[in-house]
Amino acid sequence: MTITQKLRHAFPRLNDELISEIESSALKKDIPKGTEILREGQYVSAVPIVLSGLIKVYKQYEARDLLLYYIKPNESCIMSFAAGLRNEPSNVFALTEENTTALLLPVDKISGWMNRYPDLNSLFFQQYNLRYAELLETIQNVLFNKMDQRLYDYLREKSELLNKNPLKISHRQIAADLGTAREVVSRVMKKLENEGKLEQNTDGIKISGL
């Protein structure tokens, strides 16, 4: 499937002329798993639209990471979009969670496109609403949910996004994503295992009921 076909399929309301301009100006890039594509303090030169794979966006607080949200296929990163348009340094990190193919929209073209094609404004407004809802959910989880619920929800979401069960992931990586200590994760994982919500073995972490 060509870029034009993918864009028309993913965003049927986009103007054909805009799609043609995106195809001629944007860069399609295959990015290996585990690649940092944006770091805090970096100026944004391109805004990604994920065609396949998965990107995670996170924030560092006092040497600890906190997962903010995932960018899934046919989605973009509103944080990169906002920083790029304002020519401000990014205040988040972004890392490929899986091998990812992304369409990189040059920031210096986006402002002109938004002036000429209002449907692009609608696209990013939808992305803003999506990210806003996810950030509110993250804040709610951090403030009000106990660690066992946060950990279980995290594992379920990750398993569903990656379509993998069991998950091959270390306690250290889980702790990094949840902004806590590895020892806390290990203790809570044992509690969830005793409750029959998951199993840990050499194959990874298997979530019950999925």
Protein backbone atom coordinates (compact mmCIF):
# COMPACT_ATOMS: atom_id res chain seq x y z
CA MET A 1 0.00 0.00 0.00
CA THR A 2 1.40 3.42 -0.97
CA ILE A 3 1.67 6.36 1.43
CA THR A 4 -1.26 8.02 -0.36
CA GLN A 5 -3.40 4.90 0.07
CA LYS A 6 -2.46 4.58 3.74
CA LEU A 7 -3.25 8.21 4.45
CA ARG A 8 -6.58 8.04 2.63
CA HIS A 9 -7.49 4.87 4.50
CA ALA A 10 -6.43 6.23 7.91
CA PHE A 11 -7.68 9.80 7.45
CA PRO A 12 -10.51 9.76 4.87
CA ARG A 13 -11.37 13.42 5.49
CA LEU A 14 -7.99 14.78 4.46
CA ASN A 15 -7.92 16.88 1.29
CA ASP A 16 -6.43 15.05 -1.71
CA GLU A 17 -4.13 17.99 -2.45
CA LEU A 18 -2.85 17.91 1.13
CA ILE A 19 -2.21 14.18 0.92
CA SER A 20 -0.25 14.77 -2.28
CA GLU A 21 1.85 17.47 -0.59
CA ILE A 22 2.48 15.25 2.44
CA GLU A 23 3.63 12.42 0.20
CA SER A 24 6.06 14.68 -1.66
CA SER A 25 7.48 16.38 1.46
CA ALA A 26 7.30 13.81 4.28
CA LEU A 27 9.89 11.12 4.93
CA LYS A 28 8.82 7.52 5.44
CA LYS A 29 11.22 5.93 7.90
CA ASP A 30 11.67 2.46 9.36
CA ILE A 31 12.85 2.79 12.97
CA PRO A 32 14.16 -0.21 14.95
CA LYS A 33 12.74 -1.15 18.33
CA GLY A 34 14.34 0.68 21.24
CA THR A 35 15.37 3.77 19.26
CA GLU A 36 15.08 7.13 21.02
CA ILE A 37 13.49 9.43 18.45
CA LEU A 38 13.00 12.47 20.67
CA ARG A 39 14.63 13.60 23.90
CA GLU A 40 13.86 16.36 26.36
CA GLY A 41 15.40 19.66 25.34
CA GLN A 42 15.61 18.71 21.67
CA TYR A 43 14.02 20.98 19.07
CA VAL A 44 11.45 19.21 16.92
CA SER A 45 12.11 19.18 13.18
CA ALA A 46 9.48 16.62 12.18
CA VAL A 47 6.17 15.38 13.58
CA PRO A 48 5.59 11.61 13.26
CA ILE A 49 2.49 9.80 12.08
CA VAL A 50 2.84 6.12 12.98
CA LEU A 51 2.03 3.82 10.06
CA SER A 52 2.91 0.60 11.89
CA GLY A 53 4.52 -0.31 15.19
CA LEU A 54 4.36 1.55 18.49
CA ILE A 55 6.03 4.57 20.11
CA LYS A 56 5.95 5.36 23.81
CA VAL A 57 6.13 8.91 25.13
CA TYR A 58 7.43 9.45 28.64
CA LYS A 59 8.66 12.10 31.04
CA GLN A 60 11.58 12.03 33.43
CA TYR A 61 11.18 13.23 37.01
CA GLU A 62 14.24 13.21 39.27
CA ALA A 63 15.95 10.41 37.30
CA ARG A 64 12.73 8.35 37.12
CA ASP A 65 10.63 7.80 34.01
CA LEU A 66 6.85 8.01 33.81
CA LEU A 67 5.00 6.59 30.81
CA LEU A 68 2.54 9.20 29.52
CA TYR A 69 0.96 7.46 26.53
CA TYR A 70 1.57 5.29 23.46
CA ILE A 71 1.38 6.45 19.85
CA LYS A 72 -0.34 3.70 17.89
CA PRO A 73 -0.78 3.25 14.12
CA ASN A 74 -2.62 6.16 12.47
CA GLU A 75 -1.83 8.43 15.42
CA SER A 76 0.60 11.29 15.96
CA CYS A 77 2.37 12.98 18.86
CA ILE A 78 0.63 16.18 19.88
CA MET A 79 3.54 17.09 22.20
CA SER A 80 5.94 17.08 19.23
CA PHE A 81 3.39 18.97 17.16
CA ALA A 82 2.98 21.73 19.77
CA ALA A 83 6.72 22.08 20.45
CA GLY A 84 7.52 22.12 16.73
CA LEU A 85 4.98 24.80 15.85
CA ARG A 86 6.14 27.04 18.73
CA ASN A 87 9.81 26.32 17.99
CA GLU A 88 10.30 25.29 21.59
CA PRO A 89 12.39 22.41 22.95
CA SER A 90 10.56 19.20 23.71
CA ASN A 91 9.68 18.47 27.35
CA VAL A 92 9.16 14.73 26.75
CA PHE A 93 11.06 11.71 25.47
CA ALA A 94 9.87 9.32 22.75
CA LEU A 95 11.12 5.77 22.16
CA THR A 96 10.05 3.05 19.73
CA GLU A 97 8.47 0.21 21.69
CA GLU A 98 8.42 -2.05 18.60
CA ASN A 99 9.93 -1.88 15.13
CA THR A 100 8.08 1.12 13.75
CA THR A 101 7.39 2.70 10.38
CA ALA A 102 6.56 6.40 10.67
CA LEU A 103 5.81 9.22 8.30
CA LEU A 104 7.80 12.29 9.39
CA LEU A 105 6.06 15.56 8.57
CA PRO A 106 8.52 18.49 8.37
CA VAL A 107 7.61 21.18 10.88
CA ASP A 108 8.47 23.99 8.47
CA LYS A 109 5.71 22.76 6.15
CA ILE A 110 2.99 22.15 8.71
CA SER A 111 2.11 25.79 9.44
CA GLY A 112 1.48 26.48 5.75
CA TRP A 113 -0.54 23.31 5.37
CA MET A 114 -2.72 24.24 8.33
CA ASN A 115 -3.44 27.66 6.81
CA ARG A 116 -4.39 26.18 3.43
CA TYR A 117 -6.06 22.96 4.57
CA PRO A 118 -8.38 23.31 7.61
CA ASP A 119 -8.91 19.54 7.70
CA LEU A 120 -5.34 19.21 9.02
CA ASN A 121 -6.37 21.35 11.99
CA SER A 122 -9.23 18.93 12.63
CA LEU A 123 -6.84 15.98 12.50
CA PHE A 124 -4.51 17.40 15.15
CA PHE A 125 -7.43 18.62 17.25
CA GLN A 126 -8.67 15.01 17.36
CA GLN A 127 -5.17 13.90 18.36
CA TYR A 128 -5.12 16.55 21.07
CA ASN A 129 -8.42 15.29 22.51
CA LEU A 130 -7.12 11.72 22.48
CA ARG A 131 -3.86 12.58 24.22
CA TYR A 132 -5.61 14.84 26.73
CA ALA A 133 -7.94 12.00 27.77
CA GLU A 134 -4.99 9.61 28.11
CA LEU A 135 -3.00 12.09 30.20
CA LEU A 136 -5.96 12.60 32.52
CA GLU A 137 -6.20 8.83 32.93
CA THR A 138 -2.47 8.65 33.70
CA ILE A 139 -2.80 11.36 36.35
CA GLN A 140 -5.79 9.60 37.87
CA ASN A 141 -3.90 6.30 38.01
CA VAL A 142 -0.87 7.90 39.65
CA LEU A 143 -2.88 9.85 42.22
CA PHE A 144 -5.70 7.49 43.11
CA ASN A 145 -4.95 3.90 42.09
CA LYS A 146 -2.85 1.60 44.22
CA MET A 147 0.29 0.19 42.65
CA ASP A 148 -1.20 -3.28 42.19
CA GLN A 149 -4.03 -1.85 40.06
CA ARG A 150 -1.65 0.42 38.12
CA LEU A 151 0.70 -2.48 37.42
CA TYR A 152 -2.06 -4.85 36.35
CA ASP A 153 -3.64 -2.23 34.05
CA TYR A 154 -0.22 -1.47 32.57
CA LEU A 155 0.45 -5.13 31.79
CA ARG A 156 -2.99 -5.66 30.25
CA GLU A 157 -2.67 -2.59 28.03
CA LYS A 158 0.84 -3.53 26.92
CA SER A 159 -0.21 -7.10 26.17
CA GLU A 160 -3.17 -5.91 24.08
CA LEU A 161 -1.15 -3.27 22.22
CA LEU A 162 1.64 -5.69 21.34
CA ASN A 163 -0.73 -8.64 20.90
CA LYS A 164 1.61 -10.70 23.08
CA ASN A 165 0.81 -12.89 26.08
CA PRO A 166 3.11 -13.76 27.77
CA LEU A 167 5.09 -10.53 27.74
CA LYS A 168 8.88 -10.57 27.68
CA ILE A 169 9.66 -7.60 29.89
CA SER A 170 11.88 -7.12 32.93
CA HIS A 171 10.80 -5.82 36.33
CA ARG A 172 13.33 -3.01 35.83
CA GLN A 173 11.64 -1.88 32.59
CA ILE A 174 8.19 -2.02 34.20
CA ALA A 175 9.47 0.08 37.08
CA ALA A 176 10.91 2.63 34.64
CA ASP A 177 7.60 2.97 32.83
CA LEU A 178 5.62 3.34 36.04
CA GLY A 179 8.06 5.69 37.72
CA THR A 180 8.74 3.46 40.70
CA ALA A 181 11.48 1.17 42.07
CA ARG A 182 12.22 -2.33 40.78
CA GLU A 183 11.83 -3.74 44.29
CA VAL A 184 8.29 -2.33 44.45
CA VAL A 185 7.40 -3.95 41.12
CA SER A 186 8.81 -7.32 42.20
CA ARG A 187 6.80 -7.24 45.43
CA VAL A 188 3.55 -6.25 43.70
CA MET A 189 4.09 -8.81 40.90
CA LYS A 190 4.29 -11.53 43.55
CA LYS A 191 1.03 -10.27 45.09
CA LEU A 192 -0.74 -10.33 41.69
CA GLU A 193 0.62 -13.81 41.05
CA ASN A 194 -0.71 -15.05 44.39
CA GLU A 195 -4.11 -13.58 43.47
CA GLY A 196 -4.11 -15.58 40.22
CA LYS A 197 -4.01 -12.50 37.96
CA LEU A 198 -0.75 -13.44 36.26
CA GLU A 199 1.99 -16.05 36.03
CA GLN A 200 5.74 -15.53 35.84
CA ASN A 201 7.94 -18.13 34.18
CA THR A 202 10.80 -18.45 31.70
CA ASP A 203 8.48 -17.45 28.84
CA GLY A 204 7.70 -14.11 30.49
CA ILE A 205 4.68 -12.68 32.27
CA LYS A 206 1.37 -14.26 31.32
CA ILE A 207 -1.72 -12.22 32.16
CA SER A 208 -4.74 -14.33 33.12
CA GLY A 209 -8.00 -13.87 31.27
CA LEU A 210 -6.52 -12.51 28.03
